[in-house]
N, C-alpha and C. Protein backbone atom coordinates (compact mmCIF):
# COMPACT_ATOMS: atom_id res chain seq x y z
N UNK A 1 -45.82 48.53 -2.11
CA UNK A 1 -44.54 47.84 -2.27
C UNK A 1 -43.40 48.64 -1.65
N UNK A 2 -43.40 49.96 -1.77
CA UNK A 2 -42.33 50.76 -1.19
C UNK A 2 -42.32 50.68 0.32
N UNK A 3 -43.47 50.63 0.94
CA UNK A 3 -43.55 50.56 2.39
C UNK A 3 -42.93 49.26 2.88
N UNK A 4 -43.21 48.18 2.21
CA UNK A 4 -42.65 46.89 2.60
C UNK A 4 -41.13 46.90 2.45
N UNK A 5 -40.65 47.52 1.39
CA UNK A 5 -39.21 47.60 1.13
C UNK A 5 -38.52 48.43 2.22
N UNK A 6 -39.12 49.55 2.63
CA UNK A 6 -38.54 50.40 3.65
C UNK A 6 -38.51 49.71 5.01
N UNK A 7 -39.55 48.97 5.34
CA UNK A 7 -39.56 48.28 6.63
C UNK A 7 -38.51 47.18 6.65
N UNK A 8 -38.28 46.55 5.53
CA UNK A 8 -37.25 45.52 5.45
C UNK A 8 -35.86 46.14 5.63
N UNK A 9 -35.66 47.31 5.02
CA UNK A 9 -34.37 48.01 5.17
C UNK A 9 -34.17 48.44 6.61
N UNK A 10 -35.24 48.89 7.26
CA UNK A 10 -35.16 49.31 8.65
C UNK A 10 -34.82 48.13 9.55
N UNK A 11 -35.41 46.98 9.29
CA UNK A 11 -35.12 45.77 10.07
C UNK A 11 -33.67 45.36 9.88
N UNK A 12 -33.17 45.49 8.66
CA UNK A 12 -31.77 45.16 8.39
C UNK A 12 -30.84 46.09 9.16
N UNK A 13 -31.17 47.38 9.19
CA UNK A 13 -30.37 48.35 9.94
C UNK A 13 -30.38 48.05 11.43
N UNK A 14 -31.53 47.68 11.96
CA UNK A 14 -31.64 47.35 13.38
C UNK A 14 -30.84 46.09 13.69
N UNK A 15 -30.87 45.12 12.79
CA UNK A 15 -30.10 43.89 12.97
C UNK A 15 -28.60 44.19 13.01
N UNK A 16 -28.14 45.08 12.14
CA UNK A 16 -26.72 45.46 12.12
C UNK A 16 -26.33 46.15 13.42
N UNK A 17 -27.20 47.04 13.91
CA UNK A 17 -26.91 47.74 15.16
C UNK A 17 -26.86 46.76 16.33
N UNK A 18 -27.77 45.81 16.34
CA UNK A 18 -27.79 44.81 17.40
C UNK A 18 -26.53 43.94 17.35
N UNK A 19 -26.11 43.59 16.15
CA UNK A 19 -24.89 42.79 15.98
C UNK A 19 -23.68 43.55 16.49
N UNK A 20 -23.58 44.84 16.18
CA UNK A 20 -22.47 45.66 16.67
C UNK A 20 -22.47 45.75 18.20
N UNK A 21 -23.65 45.96 18.77
CA UNK A 21 -23.75 46.05 20.22
C UNK A 21 -23.31 44.75 20.89
N UNK A 22 -23.74 43.63 20.34
CA UNK A 22 -23.35 42.33 20.90
C UNK A 22 -21.85 42.11 20.80
N UNK A 23 -21.25 42.54 19.70
CA UNK A 23 -19.81 42.40 19.52
C UNK A 23 -19.05 43.23 20.56
N UNK A 24 -19.49 44.48 20.75
CA UNK A 24 -18.84 45.35 21.73
C UNK A 24 -19.00 44.80 23.13
N UNK A 25 -20.16 44.27 23.45
CA UNK A 25 -20.37 43.67 24.77
C UNK A 25 -19.41 42.51 25.00
N UNK A 26 -19.21 41.72 23.96
CA UNK A 26 -18.40 40.52 24.09
C UNK A 26 -16.90 40.83 24.08
N UNK A 27 -16.45 41.71 23.20
CA UNK A 27 -15.02 41.93 23.01
C UNK A 27 -14.53 43.30 23.49
N UNK A 28 -15.39 44.11 24.05
CA UNK A 28 -15.00 45.44 24.52
C UNK A 28 -13.93 45.39 25.59
N UNK A 29 -14.07 44.47 26.54
CA UNK A 29 -13.09 44.36 27.62
C UNK A 29 -11.73 43.95 27.06
N UNK A 30 -11.72 43.10 26.08
CA UNK A 30 -10.47 42.67 25.47
C UNK A 30 -9.76 43.85 24.81
N UNK A 31 -10.51 44.73 24.20
CA UNK A 31 -9.93 45.90 23.55
C UNK A 31 -9.29 46.85 24.56
N UNK A 32 -9.78 46.84 25.79
CA UNK A 32 -9.21 47.70 26.83
C UNK A 32 -7.94 47.07 27.41
N UNK A 33 -7.94 45.77 27.60
CA UNK A 33 -6.84 45.08 28.28
C UNK A 33 -5.65 44.82 27.36
N UNK A 34 -5.88 44.55 26.10
CA UNK A 34 -4.82 44.15 25.17
C UNK A 34 -3.67 45.15 25.08
N UNK A 35 -3.91 46.46 24.86
CA UNK A 35 -2.76 47.38 24.76
C UNK A 35 -1.92 47.42 26.04
N UNK A 36 -2.56 47.33 27.18
CA UNK A 36 -1.82 47.33 28.45
C UNK A 36 -0.96 46.08 28.56
N UNK A 37 -1.52 44.95 28.21
CA UNK A 37 -0.77 43.69 28.29
C UNK A 37 0.41 43.69 27.33
N UNK A 38 0.21 44.16 26.12
CA UNK A 38 1.30 44.18 25.13
C UNK A 38 2.40 45.14 25.59
N UNK A 39 2.02 46.29 26.11
CA UNK A 39 3.01 47.25 26.60
C UNK A 39 3.81 46.65 27.75
N UNK A 40 3.14 45.96 28.64
CA UNK A 40 3.82 45.34 29.78
C UNK A 40 4.79 44.27 29.31
N UNK A 41 4.37 43.47 28.35
CA UNK A 41 5.25 42.41 27.85
C UNK A 41 6.45 42.95 27.09
N UNK A 42 6.32 44.12 26.49
CA UNK A 42 7.41 44.68 25.70
C UNK A 42 8.30 45.63 26.50
N UNK A 43 8.03 45.81 27.78
CA UNK A 43 8.85 46.70 28.61
C UNK A 43 10.29 46.18 28.63
N UNK A 44 11.27 47.04 28.56
CA UNK A 44 12.67 46.61 28.49
C UNK A 44 13.11 45.74 29.66
N UNK A 45 12.60 45.97 30.84
CA UNK A 45 13.03 45.19 32.00
C UNK A 45 12.56 43.74 31.93
N UNK A 46 11.43 43.51 31.28
CA UNK A 46 10.89 42.16 31.24
C UNK A 46 11.07 41.49 29.89
N UNK A 47 11.56 42.24 28.91
CA UNK A 47 11.72 41.69 27.57
C UNK A 47 12.87 40.69 27.54
N UNK A 48 12.72 39.64 26.78
CA UNK A 48 13.76 38.61 26.65
C UNK A 48 14.70 38.89 25.48
N UNK A 49 14.56 40.06 24.87
CA UNK A 49 15.42 40.41 23.74
C UNK A 49 16.86 40.63 24.23
N UNK A 50 17.81 40.34 23.36
CA UNK A 50 19.21 40.49 23.73
C UNK A 50 19.56 41.97 23.85
N UNK A 51 20.47 42.26 24.72
CA UNK A 51 20.95 43.61 24.91
C UNK A 51 21.89 43.96 23.75
N UNK A 52 21.67 45.10 23.11
CA UNK A 52 22.51 45.46 21.97
C UNK A 52 23.70 46.31 22.38
N UNK A 53 23.82 46.62 23.66
CA UNK A 53 24.92 47.42 24.16
C UNK A 53 26.21 46.57 24.20
N UNK A 54 27.27 47.08 23.59
CA UNK A 54 28.55 46.37 23.64
C UNK A 54 29.45 47.09 24.62
N UNK A 55 29.99 46.37 25.54
CA UNK A 55 30.88 46.97 26.56
C UNK A 55 32.32 46.88 26.14
N UNK A 56 33.21 47.36 27.01
CA UNK A 56 34.64 47.31 26.70
C UNK A 56 35.14 45.86 26.63
N UNK A 57 35.92 45.60 25.65
CA UNK A 57 36.49 44.26 25.49
C UNK A 57 35.62 43.33 24.66
N UNK A 58 34.43 43.75 24.27
CA UNK A 58 33.57 42.92 23.43
C UNK A 58 34.08 42.93 22.00
N UNK A 59 34.11 41.78 21.38
CA UNK A 59 34.53 41.68 19.98
C UNK A 59 33.31 41.89 19.10
N UNK A 60 33.47 42.79 18.18
CA UNK A 60 32.34 43.12 17.29
C UNK A 60 32.39 42.24 16.07
């Protein structure tokens, strides 16, 4: 009975490893590209956020 239980646990561990590998294969490229894309979109030159600098003559 113990041998059967251990082989079942080993199969479960292998299944988990295979699932992780498949996930990394599928979404690994996204994990590399996403930070670059977000940084590019948030760059001050391309950001659509309002400028907080008040110049002379601006009413606060």
